[in-house]
Amino acid sequence: MNLFLRGMMQAVAESFPLPEPILEIGSYQVEGQADILNLRSLFPGKDYIGIDFRAGPGVDLVANVEKLPMADASVGTVIALSTFEHVEKFWLGFEEVERVLRPDGVFVVASPFYFHVHAYPNDYWRFTPEALKFLLEGYPTKLMGSHGPARRMANVWSIAFKDLASVPTAEQIEAYNTNMAKYAREPLPWVRRIKYQMGRVLCGRRPFAVHLDRERWSMEVMRDQAVAIRKAA
């Protein structure tokens, strides 16, 4: 996880009412990165459980997302940032999340697309926006996001709402956009920015877009027909 995704999660926490208990998958806090990785601090006073495949800081329960120890429909919100690229059978993990979420549950998930190999302990997968939409097709309302160049985005993410979840209002989505602009920041050091800008002048924008556009983001709101009918009723 990076500063941008930390800011994205803060924008989510301050914009949408996330039901409890909150379950974070991949909660291990690597030494020296606690300020970024400690998502629990965004939910003071909330019922919060952190799980990871290994014990350590931030981990309340050692477990594998491919077989979660929670009962069916027992969790309000699941958070998994920069986690599923490390899950060998990631499709089982997505099925498990859907199983343990209550009918009014919310799933916040992010995964890298254009990113170096980072083995903790292994790095298996990359997800396009289309892949994430497919994996979340069981969620009738989704906010789909990405940042970076359109064809080489750094990360993709989604806030996915189950059938009986509180559908985000126009005001909440506007607040989310405002908070994203406020928190989802990862500016380049000025020396690197000058270097990449000079490279762009000499070689064209494309080779340097992934760096120069690292704070550019977009979002799409997706609602299926059943949700639209239920909301109108």
Protein backbone atom coordinates (compact mmCIF):
# COMPACT_ATOMS: atom_id res chain seq x y z
CA MET A 1 0.00 0.00 0.00
CA ASN A 2 1.10 3.56 -0.64
CA LEU A 3 0.16 7.09 0.43
CA PHE A 4 -2.38 7.40 -2.38
CA LEU A 5 -4.32 4.29 -1.31
CA ARG A 6 -4.11 5.34 2.33
CA GLY A 7 -5.72 8.63 1.30
CA MET A 8 -8.34 6.77 -0.75
CA MET A 9 -9.27 4.74 2.32
CA GLN A 10 -9.49 7.84 4.48
CA ALA A 11 -11.82 9.37 1.89
CA VAL A 12 -14.00 6.25 2.06
CA ALA A 13 -14.05 6.25 5.87
CA GLU A 14 -15.14 9.90 6.02
CA SER A 15 -17.68 9.72 3.19
CA PHE A 16 -19.69 6.51 3.62
CA PRO A 17 -21.29 4.84 6.66
CA LEU A 18 -19.42 1.51 6.83
CA PRO A 19 -21.24 -1.13 8.92
CA GLU A 20 -19.49 -3.03 11.71
CA PRO A 21 -17.72 -5.24 12.42
CA ILE A 22 -14.93 -4.17 10.07
CA LEU A 23 -12.58 -6.90 8.86
CA GLU A 24 -9.24 -5.96 7.33
CA ILE A 25 -7.55 -8.63 5.24
CA GLY A 26 -3.78 -8.30 5.05
CA SER A 27 -3.45 -6.18 8.20
CA TYR A 28 0.21 -6.93 9.01
CA GLN A 29 2.05 -3.64 9.56
CA VAL A 30 5.56 -3.81 8.10
CA GLU A 31 8.18 -2.19 10.33
CA GLY A 32 8.63 1.48 9.53
CA GLN A 33 5.34 1.77 7.61
CA ALA A 34 2.80 1.79 10.44
CA ASP A 35 1.72 5.37 9.72
CA ILE A 36 0.51 4.27 6.28
CA LEU A 37 -0.60 0.71 7.02
CA ASN A 38 -2.52 1.30 10.25
CA LEU A 39 -6.02 1.60 8.75
CA ARG A 40 -7.54 0.84 12.15
CA SER A 41 -6.76 4.43 13.15
CA LEU A 42 -9.33 5.63 10.59
CA PHE A 43 -12.13 3.92 12.54
CA PRO A 44 -11.76 4.96 16.19
CA GLY A 45 -14.18 3.18 18.50
CA LYS A 46 -15.34 0.76 15.80
CA ASP A 47 -15.40 -3.05 16.11
CA TYR A 48 -12.31 -3.81 14.00
CA ILE A 49 -10.53 -7.12 13.31
CA GLY A 50 -7.25 -7.43 11.41
CA ILE A 51 -6.26 -10.76 9.86
CA ASP A 52 -3.14 -11.86 8.03
CA PHE A 53 -1.39 -15.13 7.19
CA ARG A 54 1.30 -14.32 9.77
CA ALA A 55 1.25 -12.94 13.29
CA GLY A 56 2.62 -9.50 14.03
CA PRO A 57 1.72 -5.82 14.49
CA GLY A 58 -1.86 -5.06 13.49
CA VAL A 59 -2.87 -8.74 13.35
CA ASP A 60 -5.67 -9.90 15.65
CA LEU A 61 -6.18 -13.25 13.98
CA VAL A 62 -3.93 -15.40 11.80
CA ALA A 63 -6.02 -16.73 8.91
CA ASN A 64 -6.07 -17.30 5.17
CA VAL A 65 -8.54 -15.34 3.06
CA GLU A 66 -9.06 -18.47 0.94
CA LYS A 67 -10.83 -19.96 3.99
CA LEU A 68 -11.96 -17.34 6.46
CA PRO A 69 -12.90 -18.51 9.99
CA MET A 70 -15.94 -16.20 10.15
CA ALA A 71 -19.54 -17.40 9.97
CA ASP A 72 -21.75 -16.70 6.98
CA ALA A 73 -23.16 -13.14 6.84
CA SER A 74 -21.34 -12.07 10.04
CA VAL A 75 -19.18 -9.14 8.85
CA GLY A 76 -20.30 -5.60 8.05
CA THR A 77 -17.32 -4.30 6.04
CA VAL A 78 -14.29 -6.00 4.50
CA ILE A 79 -11.18 -4.00 3.58
CA ALA A 80 -8.41 -5.51 1.44
CA LEU A 81 -5.83 -3.09 0.06
CA SER A 82 -2.85 -4.37 -1.95
CA THR A 83 -3.59 -7.90 -0.77
CA PHE A 84 -5.14 -10.08 -3.47
CA GLU A 85 -2.09 -9.96 -5.73
CA HIS A 86 -0.46 -12.10 -3.00
CA VAL A 87 -3.30 -14.65 -2.75
CA GLU A 88 -2.53 -17.80 -4.72
CA LYS A 89 -6.17 -18.72 -5.38
CA PHE A 90 -7.57 -15.21 -5.32
CA TRP A 91 -10.99 -16.28 -6.66
CA LEU A 92 -11.55 -18.31 -3.49
CA GLY A 93 -10.75 -15.21 -1.45
CA PHE A 94 -13.36 -13.14 -3.29
CA GLU A 95 -15.92 -15.92 -2.74
CA GLU A 96 -15.08 -16.03 0.97
CA VAL A 97 -15.49 -12.27 1.33
CA GLU A 98 -18.90 -12.43 -0.30
CA ARG A 99 -19.83 -15.33 2.01
CA VAL A 100 -18.93 -13.63 5.29
CA LEU A 101 -20.39 -10.22 4.38
CA ARG A 102 -23.88 -9.47 5.63
CA PRO A 103 -26.56 -8.62 3.04
CA ASP A 104 -26.01 -4.95 3.96
CA GLY A 105 -22.21 -5.30 3.79
CA VAL A 106 -19.57 -3.28 1.97
CA PHE A 107 -16.34 -4.50 0.36
CA VAL A 108 -13.44 -2.05 -0.18
CA VAL A 109 -10.74 -3.64 -2.33
CA ALA A 110 -7.68 -2.30 -4.15
CA SER A 111 -4.98 -4.03 -6.13
CA PRO A 112 -2.03 -2.91 -8.25
CA PHE A 113 -1.88 -3.17 -12.01
CA TYR A 114 1.32 -1.47 -13.17
CA PHE A 115 3.66 -2.17 -10.27
CA HIS A 116 6.97 -3.92 -9.61
CA VAL A 117 7.09 -7.44 -8.20
CA HIS A 118 6.85 -7.28 -4.41
CA ALA A 119 6.93 -10.70 -2.78
CA TYR A 120 5.26 -10.88 0.66
CA PRO A 121 5.97 -13.82 0.48
CA ASN A 122 4.89 -14.20 -3.16
CA ASP A 123 3.43 -11.90 -5.81
CA TYR A 124 1.09 -13.74 -8.19
CA TRP A 125 -1.42 -11.48 -9.93
CA ARG A 126 -2.34 -8.14 -11.49
CA PHE A 127 -5.93 -6.94 -11.99
CA THR A 128 -7.34 -4.74 -14.74
CA PRO A 129 -10.49 -2.67 -14.09
CA GLU A 130 -12.44 -5.18 -16.17
CA ALA A 131 -11.16 -8.06 -14.02
CA LEU A 132 -12.24 -6.30 -10.83
CA LYS A 133 -15.69 -5.57 -12.26
CA PHE A 134 -16.05 -9.26 -13.16
CA LEU A 135 -14.97 -10.44 -9.72
CA LEU A 136 -17.48 -8.06 -8.10
CA GLU A 137 -20.41 -8.78 -10.38
CA GLY A 138 -22.39 -10.09 -7.39
CA TYR A 139 -22.47 -6.59 -5.88
CA PRO A 140 -25.28 -4.53 -7.46
CA THR A 141 -23.73 -1.13 -6.65
CA LYS A 142 -20.04 -0.38 -7.15
CA LEU A 143 -17.78 2.65 -7.22
CA MET A 144 -14.89 1.71 -9.50
CA GLY A 145 -11.70 3.74 -9.37
CA SER A 146 -8.22 3.84 -10.86
CA HIS A 147 -5.29 6.21 -10.85
CA GLY A 148 -2.44 6.86 -13.22
CA PRO A 149 -2.47 6.72 -17.03
CA ALA A 150 -5.60 5.21 -18.58
CA ARG A 151 -3.70 2.28 -20.13
CA ARG A 152 -1.11 1.81 -17.39
CA MET A 153 -2.94 2.62 -14.19
CA ALA A 154 -1.00 2.11 -10.98
CA ASN A 155 -3.89 0.66 -8.97
CA VAL A 156 -7.54 -0.19 -9.38
CA TRP A 157 -10.04 -0.18 -6.52
CA SER A 158 -13.71 -0.55 -5.75
CA ILE A 159 -16.22 0.20 -3.02
CA ALA A 160 -18.77 -2.56 -3.57
CA PHE A 161 -22.18 -2.62 -1.86
CA LYS A 162 -24.23 -5.78 -1.34
CA ASP A 163 -27.95 -6.07 -2.08
CA LEU A 164 -29.29 -4.55 1.14
CA ALA A 165 -26.46 -2.10 1.76
CA SER A 166 -27.14 1.59 2.13
CA VAL A 167 -26.78 2.82 -1.45
CA PRO A 168 -24.46 5.86 -1.59
CA THR A 169 -26.31 9.10 -2.11
CA ALA A 170 -25.31 11.87 -4.49
CA GLU A 171 -24.19 13.92 -1.49
CA GLN A 172 -21.99 11.09 -0.20
CA ILE A 173 -20.40 10.59 -3.62
CA GLU A 174 -19.73 14.32 -3.84
CA ALA A 175 -18.14 14.19 -0.37
CA TYR A 176 -16.04 11.23 -1.50
CA ASN A 177 -14.76 13.16 -4.53
CA THR A 178 -13.92 16.12 -2.30
CA ASN A 179 -12.12 13.91 0.21
CA MET A 180 -10.22 12.11 -2.54
CA ALA A 181 -8.88 15.44 -3.77
CA LYS A 182 -7.91 16.25 -0.19
CA TYR A 183 -6.32 12.99 0.95
CA ALA A 184 -5.36 10.83 -2.06
CA ARG A 185 -2.01 12.47 -2.69
CA GLU A 186 1.43 11.06 -3.43
CA PRO A 187 3.40 13.93 -4.99
CA LEU A 188 6.71 13.30 -6.68
CA PRO A 189 9.82 14.78 -5.07
CA TRP A 190 10.65 17.93 -7.00
CA VAL A 191 13.98 16.57 -8.29
CA ARG A 192 12.30 13.50 -9.81
CA ARG A 193 9.48 15.61 -11.24
CA ILE A 194 11.96 17.87 -13.05
CA LYS A 195 13.86 14.83 -14.33
CA TYR A 196 10.68 13.18 -15.68
CA GLN A 197 9.45 16.43 -17.21
CA MET A 198 12.77 16.83 -19.03
CA GLY A 199 12.50 13.23 -20.20
CA ARG A 200 9.00 13.92 -21.48
CA VAL A 201 10.26 16.86 -23.54
CA LEU A 202 13.05 14.74 -25.04
CA CYS A 203 11.27 11.41 -25.49
CA GLY A 204 7.54 12.13 -25.37
CA ARG A 205 5.04 11.79 -22.55
CA ARG A 206 4.21 8.09 -22.68
CA PRO A 207 7.35 6.62 -21.03
CA PHE A 208 6.97 8.99 -18.08
CA ALA A 209 3.17 9.11 -17.76
CA VAL A 210 3.06 6.47 -15.03
CA HIS A 211 5.14 8.81 -12.85
CA LEU A 212 3.78 12.19 -13.88
CA ASP A 213 0.14 11.01 -13.64
CA ARG A 214 0.49 9.20 -10.33
CA GLU A 215 -2.07 11.50 -8.68
CA ARG A 216 -4.55 11.52 -11.56
CA TRP A 217 -7.58 9.38 -10.77
CA SER A 218 -11.02 8.59 -12.13
CA MET A 219 -14.18 6.98 -10.75
CA GLU A 220 -17.21 5.27 -12.25
CA VAL A 221 -20.50 4.62 -10.42
CA MET A 222 -22.12 1.34 -11.45
CA ARG A 223 -25.65 0.33 -10.46
CA ASP A 224 -27.54 -2.63 -11.87
CA GLN A 225 -31.19 -2.43 -12.88
CA ALA A 226 -32.48 -4.19 -9.76
CA VAL A 227 -30.94 -1.53 -7.53
CA ALA A 228 -32.43 1.26 -9.63
CA ILE A 229 -35.90 -0.31 -9.35
CA ARG A 230 -35.58 -0.85 -5.58
CA LYS A 231 -34.42 2.73 -5.08
CA ALA A 232 -37.30 4.11 -7.15
CA ALA A 233 -39.79 2.06 -5.15
